[in-house]
PDB file of N, CA and C in Angstrom:
ATOM      1  N   UNK A   1      36.206  95.211 -66.813  1.00  0.00           N
ATOM      2  CA  UNK A   1      34.996  96.456 -66.325  1.00  0.00           C
ATOM      3  C   UNK A   1      34.139  96.271 -66.063  1.00  0.00           C
ATOM      4  N   UNK A   2      33.355  96.174 -65.615  1.00  0.00           N
ATOM      5  CA  UNK A   2      32.363  96.169 -64.126  1.00  0.00           C
ATOM      6  C   UNK A   2      31.011  95.962 -65.154  1.00  0.00           C
ATOM      7  N   UNK A   3      30.397  95.065 -64.345  1.00  0.00           N
ATOM      8  CA  UNK A   3      28.670  94.252 -65.563  1.00  0.00           C
ATOM      9  C   UNK A   3      27.658  95.356 -64.982  1.00  0.00           C
ATOM     10  N   UNK A   4      26.924  95.944 -65.241  1.00  0.00           N
ATOM     11  CA  UNK A   4      26.344  96.666 -65.467  1.00  0.00           C
ATOM     12  C   UNK A   4      25.182  95.647 -64.447  1.00  0.00           C
ATOM     13  N   UNK A   5      24.160  97.012 -63.096  1.00  0.00           N
ATOM     14  CA  UNK A   5      23.591  95.877 -62.266  1.00  0.00           C
ATOM     15  C   UNK A   5      24.610  95.540 -61.317  1.00  0.00           C
ATOM     16  N   UNK A   6      25.747  95.577 -61.862  1.00  0.00           N
ATOM     17  CA  UNK A   6      26.595  94.681 -60.449  1.00  0.00           C
ATOM     18  C   UNK A   6      27.264  95.584 -59.019  1.00  0.00           C
ATOM     19  N   UNK A   7      27.152  95.976 -59.054  1.00  0.00           N
ATOM     20  CA  UNK A   7      26.934  98.112 -58.420  1.00  0.00           C
ATOM     21  C   UNK A   7      28.425  98.232 -58.025  1.00  0.00           C
ATOM     22  N   UNK A   8      28.959  97.904 -60.037  1.00  0.00           N
ATOM     23  CA  UNK A   8      30.500  98.345 -60.825  1.00  0.00           C
ATOM     24  C   UNK A   8      31.647  97.547 -59.190  1.00  0.00           C
ATOM     25  N   UNK A   9      30.943  96.544 -59.523  1.00  0.00           N
ATOM     26  CA  UNK A   9      31.854  96.005 -58.936  1.00  0.00           C
ATOM     27  C   UNK A   9      32.366  94.620 -60.335  1.00  0.00           C
ATOM     28  N   UNK A  10      32.815  93.667 -59.917  1.00  0.00           N
ATOM     29  CA  UNK A  10      33.264  93.161 -60.753  1.00  0.00           C
ATOM     30  C   UNK A  10      33.377  91.793 -61.011  1.00  0.00           C
ATOM     31  N   UNK A  11      32.187  91.340 -61.913  1.00  0.00           N
ATOM     32  CA  UNK A  11      32.285  89.376 -61.741  1.00  0.00           C
ATOM     33  C   UNK A  11      33.215  88.670 -62.155  1.00  0.00           C
ATOM     34  N   UNK A  12      33.267  87.436 -60.652  1.00  0.00           N
ATOM     35  CA  UNK A  12      33.760  86.955 -60.890  1.00  0.00           C
ATOM     36  C   UNK A  12      33.640  85.817 -60.323  1.00  0.00           C
ATOM     37  N   UNK A  13      33.527  84.000 -60.254  1.00  0.00           N
ATOM     38  CA  UNK A  13      33.690  83.260 -59.863  1.00  0.00           C
ATOM     39  C   UNK A  13      32.385  83.033 -59.612  1.00  0.00           C
ATOM     40  N   UNK A  14      32.889  83.215 -58.109  1.00  0.00           N
ATOM     41  CA  UNK A  14      32.457  83.395 -56.407  1.00  0.00           C
ATOM     42  C   UNK A  14      31.277  83.970 -56.306  1.00  0.00           C
ATOM     43  N   UNK A  15      31.495  84.839 -57.208  1.00  0.00           N
ATOM     44  CA  UNK A  15      30.150  85.823 -56.868  1.00  0.00           C
ATOM     45  C   UNK A  15      29.034  85.513 -58.361  1.00  0.00           C
ATOM     46  N   UNK A  16      29.422  84.089 -58.850  1.00  0.00           N
ATOM     47  CA  UNK A  16      28.220  83.771 -59.171  1.00  0.00           C
ATOM     48  C   UNK A  16      27.411  82.685 -58.859  1.00  0.00           C
ATOM     49  N   UNK A  17      26.102  83.392 -57.691  1.00  0.00           N
ATOM     50  CA  UNK A  17      25.631  82.079 -57.390  1.00  0.00           C
ATOM     51  C   UNK A  17      26.129  81.371 -55.758  1.00  0.00           C
ATOM     52  N   UNK A  18      26.260  82.462 -54.889  1.00  0.00           N
ATOM     53  CA  UNK A  18      26.782  80.896 -53.762  1.00  0.00           C
ATOM     54  C   UNK A  18      25.832  80.336 -53.272  1.00  0.00           C
ATOM     55  N   UNK A  19      26.524  78.761 -53.239  1.00  0.00           N
ATOM     56  CA  UNK A  19      25.905  77.401 -53.351  1.00  0.00           C
ATOM     57  C   UNK A  19      25.335  77.331 -51.521  1.00  0.00           C
ATOM     58  N   UNK A  20      26.604  78.203 -51.058  1.00  0.00           N
ATOM     59  CA  UNK A  20      25.341  77.885 -49.538  1.00  0.00           C
ATOM     60  C   UNK A  20      25.292  79.533 -48.695  1.00  0.00           C
ATOM     61  N   UNK A  21      24.445  79.728 -47.902  1.00  0.00           N
ATOM     62  CA  UNK A  21      23.787  81.107 -47.861  1.00  0.00           C
ATOM     63  C   UNK A  21      25.508  81.774 -46.653  1.00  0.00           C
ATOM     64  N   UNK A  22      25.908  80.734 -45.892  1.00  0.00           N
ATOM     65  CA  UNK A  22      27.652  81.303 -45.639  1.00  0.00           C
ATOM     66  C   UNK A  22      28.712  81.820 -46.119  1.00  0.00           C
ATOM     67  N   UNK A  23      28.388  81.204 -48.090  1.00  0.00           N
ATOM     68  CA  UNK A  23      29.368  81.748 -48.912  1.00  0.00           C
ATOM     69  C   UNK A  23      28.628  83.413 -48.315  1.00  0.00           C
ATOM     70  N   UNK A  24      27.725  83.084 -49.011  1.00  0.00           N
ATOM     71  CA  UNK A  24      26.938  85.289 -49.433  1.00  0.00           C
ATOM     72  C   UNK A  24      27.321  85.863 -48.513  1.00  0.00           C
ATOM     73  N   UNK A  25      27.242  85.739 -46.479  1.00  0.00           N
ATOM     74  CA  UNK A  25      27.579  86.189 -45.709  1.00  0.00           C
ATOM     75  C   UNK A  25      29.230  86.456 -45.850  1.00  0.00           C
ATOM     76  N   UNK A  26      29.803  85.679 -46.475  1.00  0.00           N
ATOM     77  CA  UNK A  26      31.748  85.608 -46.345  1.00  0.00           C
ATOM     78  C   UNK A  26      31.451  86.450 -47.640  1.00  0.00           C
ATOM     79  N   UNK A  27      30.877  87.120 -48.807  1.00  0.00           N
ATOM     80  CA  UNK A  27      30.708  87.829 -49.542  1.00  0.00           C
ATOM     81  C   UNK A  27      30.856  88.531 -49.280  1.00  0.00           C
ATOM     82  N   UNK A  28      30.163  89.243 -48.624  1.00  0.00           N
ATOM     83  CA  UNK A  28      28.753  90.650 -48.293  1.00  0.00           C
ATOM     84  C   UNK A  28      29.822  91.082 -47.440  1.00  0.00           C
ATOM     85  N   UNK A  29      30.409  90.382 -46.739  1.00  0.00           N
ATOM     86  CA  UNK A  29      31.253  90.772 -45.265  1.00  0.00           C
ATOM     87  C   UNK A  29      33.016  91.512 -45.639  1.00  0.00           C
ATOM     88  N   UNK A  30      32.966  90.610 -46.797  1.00  0.00           N
ATOM     89  CA  UNK A  30      34.328  90.799 -47.363  1.00  0.00           C
ATOM     90  C   UNK A  30      33.849  92.449 -48.218  1.00  0.00           C
ATOM     91  N   UNK A  31      32.895  92.325 -48.843  1.00  0.00           N
ATOM     92  CA  UNK A  31      32.685  93.667 -49.295  1.00  0.00           C
ATOM     93  C   UNK A  31      32.863  94.385 -49.137  1.00  0.00           C
ATOM     94  N   UNK A  32      32.177  95.028 -47.741  1.00  0.00           N
ATOM     95  CA  UNK A  32      31.397  95.689 -46.814  1.00  0.00           C
ATOM     96  C   UNK A  32      32.510  96.303 -45.683  1.00  0.00           C
ATOM     97  N   UNK A  33      33.009  94.829 -44.931  1.00  0.00           N
ATOM     98  CA  UNK A  33      33.638  95.199 -44.198  1.00  0.00           C
ATOM     99  C   UNK A  33      33.152  94.794 -42.389  1.00  0.00           C
ATOM    100  N   UNK A  34      31.920  94.434 -42.696  1.00  0.00           N
ATOM    101  CA  UNK A  34      30.767  94.020 -41.580  1.00  0.00           C
ATOM    102  C   UNK A  34      31.540  92.929 -40.995  1.00  0.00           C
ATOM    103  N   UNK A  35      31.428  91.874 -39.841  1.00  0.00           N
ATOM    104  CA  UNK A  35      31.621  91.259 -39.409  1.00  0.00           C
ATOM    105  C   UNK A  35      30.301  89.521 -40.025  1.00  0.00           C
ATOM    106  N   UNK A  36      31.618  88.728 -40.607  1.00  0.00           N
ATOM    107  CA  UNK A  36      29.611  87.906 -41.069  1.00  0.00           C
ATOM    108  C   UNK A  36      28.928  87.713 -39.573  1.00  0.00           C
ATOM    109  N   UNK A  37      28.949  88.058 -38.529  1.00  0.00           N
ATOM    110  CA  UNK A  37      27.655  87.608 -37.307  1.00  0.00           C
ATOM    111  C   UNK A  37      27.560  88.559 -37.702  1.00  0.00           C
ATOM    112  N   UNK A  38      27.395  89.789 -37.432  1.00  0.00           N
ATOM    113  CA  UNK A  38      26.602  91.585 -38.177  1.00  0.00           C
ATOM    114  C   UNK A  38      25.866  91.178 -39.515  1.00  0.00           C
ATOM    115  N   UNK A  39      26.601  90.710 -40.706  1.00  0.00           N
ATOM    116  CA  UNK A  39      25.314  90.297 -41.678  1.00  0.00           C
ATOM    117  C   UNK A  39      24.805  89.205 -41.844  1.00  0.00           C
ATOM    118  N   UNK A  40      24.485  88.312 -40.381  1.00  0.00           N
ATOM    119  CA  UNK A  40      23.763  87.255 -40.099  1.00  0.00           C
ATOM    120  C   UNK A  40      22.676  87.971 -38.788  1.00  0.00           C
ATOM    121  N   UNK A  41      23.121  88.907 -38.157  1.00  0.00           N
ATOM    122  CA  UNK A  41      22.344  89.680 -37.390  1.00  0.00           C
ATOM    123  C   UNK A  41      21.606  90.775 -37.959  1.00  0.00           C
ATOM    124  N   UNK A  42      22.307  91.878 -39.453  1.00  0.00           N
ATOM    125  CA  UNK A  42      21.436  92.448 -40.038  1.00  0.00           C
ATOM    126  C   UNK A  42      20.052  91.587 -40.582  1.00  0.00           C
ATOM    127  N   UNK A  43      20.489  90.297 -41.748  1.00  0.00           N
ATOM    128  CA  UNK A  43      19.508  90.132 -42.501  1.00  0.00           C
ATOM    129  C   UNK A  43      18.526  89.290 -41.833  1.00  0.00           C
ATOM    130  N   UNK A  44      19.305  89.180 -40.711  1.00  0.00           N
ATOM    131  CA  UNK A  44      16.972  88.635 -39.456  1.00  0.00           C
ATOM    132  C   UNK A  44      16.429  90.024 -38.996  1.00  0.00           C
ATOM    133  N   UNK A  45      17.145  90.965 -39.183  1.00  0.00           N
ATOM    134  CA  UNK A  45      16.938  92.582 -38.697  1.00  0.00           C
ATOM    135  C   UNK A  45      15.715  92.970 -40.008  1.00  0.00           C
ATOM    136  N   UNK A  46      16.377  92.108 -40.481  1.00  0.00           N
ATOM    137  CA  UNK A  46      15.466  93.396 -41.578  1.00  0.00           C
ATOM    138  C   UNK A  46      14.182  92.357 -42.486  1.00  0.00           C
ATOM    139  N   UNK A  47      14.451  90.856 -42.372  1.00  0.00           N
ATOM    140  CA  UNK A  47      13.131  90.131 -42.713  1.00  0.00           C
ATOM    141  C   UNK A  47      12.207  90.477 -41.536  1.00  0.00           C
ATOM    142  N   UNK A  48      12.838  90.388 -40.142  1.00  0.00           N
ATOM    143  CA  UNK A  48      11.654  90.699 -38.820  1.00  0.00           C
ATOM    144  C   UNK A  48      10.827  91.853 -38.595  1.00  0.00           C
ATOM    145  N   UNK A  49      11.944  92.036 -38.446  1.00  0.00           N
ATOM    146  CA  UNK A  49      11.672  93.878 -37.628  1.00  0.00           C
ATOM    147  C   UNK A  49      12.351  94.968 -38.794  1.00  0.00           C
ATOM    148  N   UNK A  50      11.156  95.004 -39.840  1.00  0.00           N
ATOM    149  CA  UNK A  50      12.183  96.562 -41.099  1.00  0.00           C
ATOM    150  C   UNK A  50      11.919  97.572 -40.376  1.00  0.00           C
ATOM    151  N   UNK A  51      11.120  98.387 -38.997  1.00  0.00           N
ATOM    152  CA  UNK A  51      11.746  99.162 -38.867  1.00  0.00           C
ATOM    153  C   UNK A  51      12.274  99.073 -37.485  1.00  0.00           C
ATOM    154  N   UNK A  52      13.262  98.261 -37.364  1.00  0.00           N
ATOM    155  CA  UNK A  52      14.783  98.519 -36.576  1.00  0.00           C
ATOM    156  C   UNK A  52      16.124  98.133 -37.270  1.00  0.00           C
ATOM    157  N   UNK A  53      15.301  98.338 -38.149  1.00  0.00           N
ATOM    158  CA  UNK A  53      16.520  98.138 -40.473  1.00  0.00           C
ATOM    159  C   UNK A  53      16.681  99.276 -40.102  1.00  0.00           C
ATOM    160  N   UNK A  54      15.093 100.402 -40.294  1.00  0.00           N
ATOM    161  CA  UNK A  54      15.403 102.107 -40.098  1.00  0.00           C
ATOM    162  C   UNK A  54      16.614 101.764 -39.845  1.00  0.00           C
ATOM    163  N   UNK A  55      16.237 102.298 -38.738  1.00  0.00           N
ATOM    164  CA  UNK A  55      17.095 102.208 -37.953  1.00  0.00           C
ATOM    165  C   UNK A  55      18.457 101.820 -38.512  1.00  0.00           C
ATOM    166  N   UNK A  56      18.427 101.145 -38.267  1.00  0.00           N
ATOM    167  CA  UNK A  56      20.420 100.719 -38.782  1.00  0.00           C
ATOM    168  C   UNK A  56      20.546 101.282 -40.219  1.00  0.00           C
ATOM    169  N   UNK A  57      19.772 101.601 -41.011  1.00  0.00           N
ATOM    170  CA  UNK A  57      19.736 101.585 -42.243  1.00  0.00           C
ATOM    171  C   UNK A  57      20.371 103.835 -42.284  1.00  0.00           C
ATOM    172  N   UNK A  58      19.659 104.508 -40.848  1.00  0.00           N
ATOM    173  CA  UNK A  58      20.002 105.202 -41.244  1.00  0.00           C
ATOM    174  C   UNK A  58      20.717 106.362 -40.266  1.00  0.00           C
ATOM    175  N   UNK A  59      21.276 105.185 -39.272  1.00  0.00           N
ATOM    176  CA  UNK A  59      22.666 105.697 -38.660  1.00  0.00           C
ATOM    177  C   UNK A  59      22.188 105.092 -36.900  1.00  0.00           C
ATOM    178  N   UNK A  60      21.026 105.674 -36.990  1.00  0.00           N
ATOM    179  CA  UNK A  60      20.804 105.854 -35.101  1.00  0.00           C
ATOM    180  C   UNK A  60      19.843 104.452 -34.571  1.00  0.00           C
ATOM    181  N   UNK A  61      20.553 103.856 -34.908  1.00  0.00           N
ATOM    182  CA  UNK A  61      21.074 102.471 -33.887  1.00  0.00           C
ATOM    183  C   UNK A  61      22.003 101.715 -34.613  1.00  0.00           C
ATOM    184  N   UNK A  62      22.960 100.580 -34.245  1.00  0.00           N
ATOM    185  CA  UNK A  62      23.159  99.382 -34.324  1.00  0.00           C
ATOM    186  C   UNK A  62      23.281  98.438 -34.949  1.00  0.00           C
ATOM    187  N   UNK A  63      24.009  96.840 -35.770  1.00  0.00           N
ATOM    188  CA  UNK A  63      23.348  96.439 -35.786  1.00  0.00           C
ATOM    189  C   UNK A  63      23.150  95.769 -34.338  1.00  0.00           C
ATOM    190  N   UNK A  64      24.152  95.486 -34.041  1.00  0.00           N
ATOM    191  CA  UNK A  64      23.885  94.779 -32.755  1.00  0.00           C
ATOM    192  C   UNK A  64      22.589  95.263 -31.539  1.00  0.00           C
ATOM    193  N   UNK A  65      22.718  96.855 -32.250  1.00  0.00           N
ATOM    194  CA  UNK A  65      20.875  97.112 -30.470  1.00  0.00           C
ATOM    195  C   UNK A  65      20.028  96.902 -31.400  1.00  0.00           C
ATOM    196  N   UNK A  66      20.309  97.348 -31.949  1.00  0.00           N
ATOM    197  CA  UNK A  66      18.580  96.812 -33.421  1.00  0.00           C
ATOM    198  C   UNK A  66      18.208  94.608 -32.643  1.00  0.00           C
ATOM    199  N   UNK A  67      19.129  94.033 -33.727  1.00  0.00           N
ATOM    200  CA  UNK A  67      19.124  92.435 -33.008  1.00  0.00           C
ATOM    201  C   UNK A  67      18.815  92.313 -31.119  1.00  0.00           C
ATOM    202  N   UNK A  68      19.374  93.135 -30.608  1.00  0.00           N
ATOM    203  CA  UNK A  68      19.179  92.879 -28.922  1.00  0.00           C
ATOM    204  C   UNK A  68      18.176  93.055 -29.055  1.00  0.00           C
ATOM    205  N   UNK A  69      17.870  94.198 -29.407  1.00  0.00           N
ATOM    206  CA  UNK A  69      16.491  95.052 -28.995  1.00  0.00           C
ATOM    207  C   UNK A  69      15.405  93.554 -29.542  1.00  0.00           C
ATOM    208  N   UNK A  70      15.001  93.812 -30.825  1.00  0.00           N
ATOM    209  CA  UNK A  70      15.065  92.293 -32.037  1.00  0.00           C
ATOM    210  C   UNK A  70      14.263  91.162 -30.615  1.00  0.00           C
ATOM    211  N   UNK A  71      15.305  90.589 -30.591  1.00  0.00           N
ATOM    212  CA  UNK A  71      15.476  89.319 -30.028  1.00  0.00           C
ATOM    213  C   UNK A  71      15.028  89.691 -28.176  1.00  0.00           C
ATOM    214  N   UNK A  72      15.300  91.014 -27.800  1.00  0.00           N
ATOM    215  CA  UNK A  72      14.726  90.846 -26.826  1.00  0.00           C
ATOM    216  C   UNK A  72      13.060  91.018 -25.965  1.00  0.00           C
ATOM    217  N   UNK A  73      12.258  91.470 -27.581  1.00  0.00           N
ATOM    218  CA  UNK A  73      10.789  92.142 -28.207  1.00  0.00           C
ATOM    219  C   UNK A  73      10.249  90.015 -28.570  1.00  0.00           C
ATOM    220  N   UNK A  74      11.538  89.515 -29.117  1.00  0.00           N
ATOM    221  CA  UNK A  74      10.557  88.293 -28.685  1.00  0.00           C
ATOM    222  C   UNK A  74      10.398  86.969 -27.283  1.00  0.00           C
ATOM    223  N   UNK A  75      11.053  87.850 -26.338  1.00  0.00           N
ATOM    224  CA  UNK A  75      10.135  86.871 -25.215  1.00  0.00           C
ATOM    225  C   UNK A  75       9.030  86.802 -24.762  1.00  0.00           C
ATOM    226  N   UNK A  76       9.063  86.448 -24.418  1.00  0.00           N
ATOM    227  CA  UNK A  76       8.421  86.314 -23.401  1.00  0.00           C
ATOM    228  C   UNK A  76       7.599  87.301 -22.436  1.00  0.00           C
ATOM    229  N   UNK A  77       6.316  87.894 -22.386  1.00  0.00           N
ATOM    230  CA  UNK A  77       6.437  88.967 -21.132  1.00  0.00           C
ATOM    231  C   UNK A  77       6.246  88.524 -19.735  1.00  0.00           C
ATOM    232  N   UNK A  78       7.354  89.276 -18.847  1.00  0.00           N
ATOM    233  CA  UNK A  78       7.013  88.419 -17.768  1.00  0.00           C
ATOM    234  C   UNK A  78       6.189  89.575 -16.780  1.00  0.00           C
ATOM    235  N   UNK A  79       6.163  89.006 -15.716  1.00  0.00           N
ATOM    236  CA  UNK A  79       5.223  90.344 -14.166  1.00  0.00           C
ATOM    237  C   UNK A  79       6.795  90.473 -13.597  1.00  0.00           C
ATOM    238  N   UNK A  80       5.939  91.900 -13.441  1.00  0.00           N
ATOM    239  CA  UNK A  80       6.715  92.567 -12.602  1.00  0.00           C
ATOM    240  C   UNK A  80       7.369  92.098 -11.496  1.00  0.00           C
ATOM    241  N   UNK A  81       7.234  90.424 -10.618  1.00  0.00           N
ATOM    242  CA  UNK A  81       7.614  90.212  -9.339  1.00  0.00           C
ATOM    243  C   UNK A  81       8.818  88.324 -10.138  1.00  0.00           C
ATOM    244  N   UNK A  82       8.406  88.216 -11.094  1.00  0.00           N
ATOM    245  CA  UNK A  82       9.697  87.703 -11.918  1.00  0.00           C
ATOM    246  C   UNK A  82      10.623  88.390 -12.933  1.00  0.00           C
ATOM    247  N   UNK A  83      10.251  89.513 -12.639  1.00  0.00           N
ATOM    248  CA  UNK A  83      11.557  90.253 -13.427  1.00  0.00           C
ATOM    249  C   UNK A  83      13.029  90.676 -11.817  1.00  0.00           C
ATOM    250  N   UNK A  84      11.802  91.065 -11.033  1.00  0.00           N
ATOM    251  CA  UNK A  84      12.260  91.184  -9.373  1.00  0.00           C
ATOM    252  C   UNK A  84      13.643  90.611  -9.017  1.00  0.00           C
ATOM    253  N   UNK A  85      12.362  89.165  -8.999  1.00  0.00           N
ATOM    254  CA  UNK A  85      13.644  88.085  -8.868  1.00  0.00           C
ATOM    255  C   UNK A  85      14.370  87.314  -9.093  1.00  0.00           C
ATOM    256  N   UNK A  86      14.674  87.400 -11.166  1.00  0.00           N
ATOM    257  CA  UNK A  86      15.823  87.203 -11.490  1.00  0.00           C
ATOM    258  C   UNK A  86      16.721  88.380 -11.483  1.00  0.00           C
ATOM    259  N   UNK A  87      16.620  90.471 -10.884  1.00  0.00           N
ATOM    260  CA  UNK A  87      17.169  91.185 -10.608  1.00  0.00           C
ATOM    261  C   UNK A  87      18.092  90.819  -9.521  1.00  0.00           C
ATOM    262  N   UNK A  88      17.261  90.010  -8.349  1.00  0.00           N
ATOM    263  CA  UNK A  88      17.792  89.986  -6.995  1.00  0.00           C
ATOM    264  C   UNK A  88      18.558  88.580  -7.251  1.00  0.00           C
ATOM    265  N   UNK A  89      18.093  87.929  -8.363  1.00  0.00           N
ATOM    266  CA  UNK A  89      19.749  86.564  -8.475  1.00  0.00           C
ATOM    267  C   UNK A  89      20.681  87.520  -8.769  1.00  0.00           C
ATOM    268  N   UNK A  90      20.410  87.802  -9.952  1.00  0.00           N
ATOM    269  CA  UNK A  90      21.870  88.680 -10.421  1.00  0.00           C
ATOM    270  C   UNK A  90      22.776  88.916  -9.290  1.00  0.00           C
ATOM    271  N   UNK A  91      21.909  89.476  -8.903  1.00  0.00           N
ATOM    272  CA  UNK A  91      22.477  90.776  -7.816  1.00  0.00           C
ATOM    273  C   UNK A  91      23.450  89.904  -6.453  1.00  0.00           C
ATOM    274  N   UNK A  92      22.715  88.936  -6.880  1.00  0.00           N
ATOM    275  CA  UNK A  92      23.153  87.921  -5.557  1.00  0.00           C
ATOM    276  C   UNK A  92      23.832  87.310  -5.821  1.00  0.00           C
ATOM    277  N   UNK A  93      24.284  87.085  -7.529  1.00  0.00           N
ATOM    278  CA  UNK A  93      25.610  86.060  -7.166  1.00  0.00           C
ATOM    279  C   UNK A  93      27.036  87.034  -8.117  1.00  0.00           C
ATOM    280  N   UNK A  94      27.812  86.117  -6.752  1.00  0.00           N
ATOM    281  CA  UNK A  94      28.943  87.279  -7.943  1.00  0.00           C
ATOM    282  C   UNK A  94      29.970  86.556  -9.359  1.00  0.00           C
ATOM    283  N   UNK A  95      30.892  87.661  -9.686  1.00  0.00           N
ATOM    284  CA  UNK A  95      31.062  88.111 -11.451  1.00  0.00           C
ATOM    285  C   UNK A  95      33.195  86.529 -10.142  1.00  0.00           C
ATOM    286  N   UNK A  96      33.459  86.279 -11.115  1.00  0.00           N
ATOM    287  CA  UNK A  96      34.995  85.599 -10.819  1.00  0.00           C
ATOM    288  C   UNK A  96      35.771  86.799 -10.446  1.00  0.00           C
ATOM    289  N   UNK A  97      35.523  88.339 -10.576  1.00  0.00           N
ATOM    290  CA  UNK A  97      36.526  88.361 -10.408  1.00  0.00           C
ATOM    291  C   UNK A  97      37.074  89.886  -8.802  1.00  0.00           C
ATOM    292  N   UNK A  98      35.076  89.421  -8.535  1.00  0.00           N
ATOM    293  CA  UNK A  98      34.203  89.851  -7.443  1.00  0.00           C
ATOM    294  C   UNK A  98      34.912  88.495  -5.736  1.00  0.00           C
ATOM    295  N   UNK A  99      34.986  87.113  -6.643  1.00  0.00           N
ATOM    296  CA  UNK A  99      35.220  85.843  -6.112  1.00  0.00           C
ATOM    297  C   UNK A  99      36.480  86.727  -5.355  1.00  0.00           C
ATOM    298  N   UNK A 100      37.318  87.003  -6.564  1.00  0.00           N
ATOM    299  CA  UNK A 100      39.143  87.003  -6.405  1.00  0.00           C
ATOM    300  C   UNK A 100      39.160  88.035  -5.757  1.00  0.00           C
ATOM    301  N   UNK A 101      38.808  89.199  -5.671  1.00  0.00           N
ATOM    302  CA  UNK A 101      38.451  90.578  -4.424  1.00  0.00           C
ATOM    303  C   UNK A 101      38.505  90.163  -3.109  1.00  0.00           C
ATOM    304  N   UNK A 102      37.456  89.184  -2.497  1.00  0.00           N
ATOM    305  CA  UNK A 102      36.789  88.366  -1.505  1.00  0.00           C
ATOM    306  C   UNK A 102      38.454  87.618  -1.161  1.00  0.00           C
ATOM    307  N   UNK A 103      38.702  87.197  -1.847  1.00  0.00           N
ATOM    308  CA  UNK A 103      40.062  85.613  -1.552  1.00  0.00           C
ATOM    309  C   UNK A 103      40.848  86.895  -0.777  1.00  0.00           C
ATOM    310  N   UNK A 104      41.096  88.067  -1.698  1.00  0.00           N
ATOM    311  CA  UNK A 104      42.831  88.722  -1.517  1.00  0.00           C
ATOM    312  C   UNK A 104      42.196  89.061  -0.666  1.00  0.00           C
ATOM    313  N   UNK A 105      41.069  89.707   0.001  1.00  0.00           N
ATOM    314  CA  UNK A 105      40.550  90.843   0.585  1.00  0.00           C
ATOM    315  C   UNK A 105      41.093  89.424   2.216  1.00  0.00           C
ATOM    316  N   UNK A 106      40.904  88.398   2.054  1.00  0.00           N
ATOM    317  CA  UNK A 106      39.887  87.212   3.164  1.00  0.00           C
ATOM    318  C   UNK A 106      41.507  86.385   3.862  1.00  0.00           C
ATOM    319  N   UNK A 107      43.068  87.094   2.658  1.00  0.00           N
ATOM    320  CA  UNK A 107      44.050  86.311   2.545  1.00  0.00           C
ATOM    321  C   UNK A 107      44.698  87.554   3.134  1.00  0.00           C
ATOM    322  N   UNK A 108      44.410  88.904   2.353  1.00  0.00           N
ATOM    323  CA  UNK A 108      45.244  89.647   3.542  1.00  0.00           C
ATOM    324  C   UNK A 108      45.523  90.400   4.780  1.00  0.00           C
ATOM    325  N   UNK A 109      43.741  90.116   5.248  1.00  0.00           N
ATOM    326  CA  UNK A 109      43.494  90.228   6.372  1.00  0.00           C
ATOM    327  C   UNK A 109      43.995  89.225   7.043  1.00  0.00           C
ATOM    328  N   UNK A 110      44.259  87.899   7.502  1.00  0.00           N
ATOM    329  CA  UNK A 110      45.021  86.259   7.255  1.00  0.00           C
ATOM    330  C   UNK A 110      46.134  86.222   7.562  1.00  0.00           C
ATOM    331  N   UNK A 111      46.943  87.742   7.041  1.00  0.00           N
ATOM    332  CA  UNK A 111      48.058  87.298   7.162  1.00  0.00           C
ATOM    333  C   UNK A 111      48.285  88.606   8.384  1.00  0.00           C
ATOM    334  N   UNK A 112      47.663  90.252   8.530  1.00  0.00           N
ATOM    335  CA  UNK A 112      47.803  91.313   8.432  1.00  0.00           C
ATOM    336  C   UNK A 112      48.066  90.218  10.340  1.00  0.00           C
ATOM    337  N   UNK A 113      47.265  89.145  10.558  1.00  0.00           N
ATOM    338  CA  UNK A 113      47.075  89.058  12.288  1.00  0.00           C
ATOM    339  C   UNK A 113      48.275  88.445  12.491  1.00  0.00           C
ATOM    340  N   UNK A 114      49.006  87.550  11.995  1.00  0.00           N
ATOM    341  CA  UNK A 114      50.141  86.773  12.339  1.00  0.00           C
ATOM    342  C   UNK A 114      51.424  87.570  12.362  1.00  0.00           C
TER     343      UNK A 114
END
């Protein structure tokens, strides 16, 4: 029979005051079907940004979106020039896939010349 105040969950020895926060996240993860990382993210959002927590609770934000927005807002503000410089750096860097495509295209062109 379920104990009162436990939300209808049977009391077990592992649910009686876990010793490590990781155990709490593990238990919550198993009970809710949500991954441990998302449990940690949700707890951080709830602690630091109740407005974002409400959006998650209402279903308008995912846990990941709320956590990302919280982290982005914690970053120091940058100037427009710094943001543009960062965008320029990102656009000039090629991904591994882009490098492989360029290499493949170069090899195809070289083979066509032969």
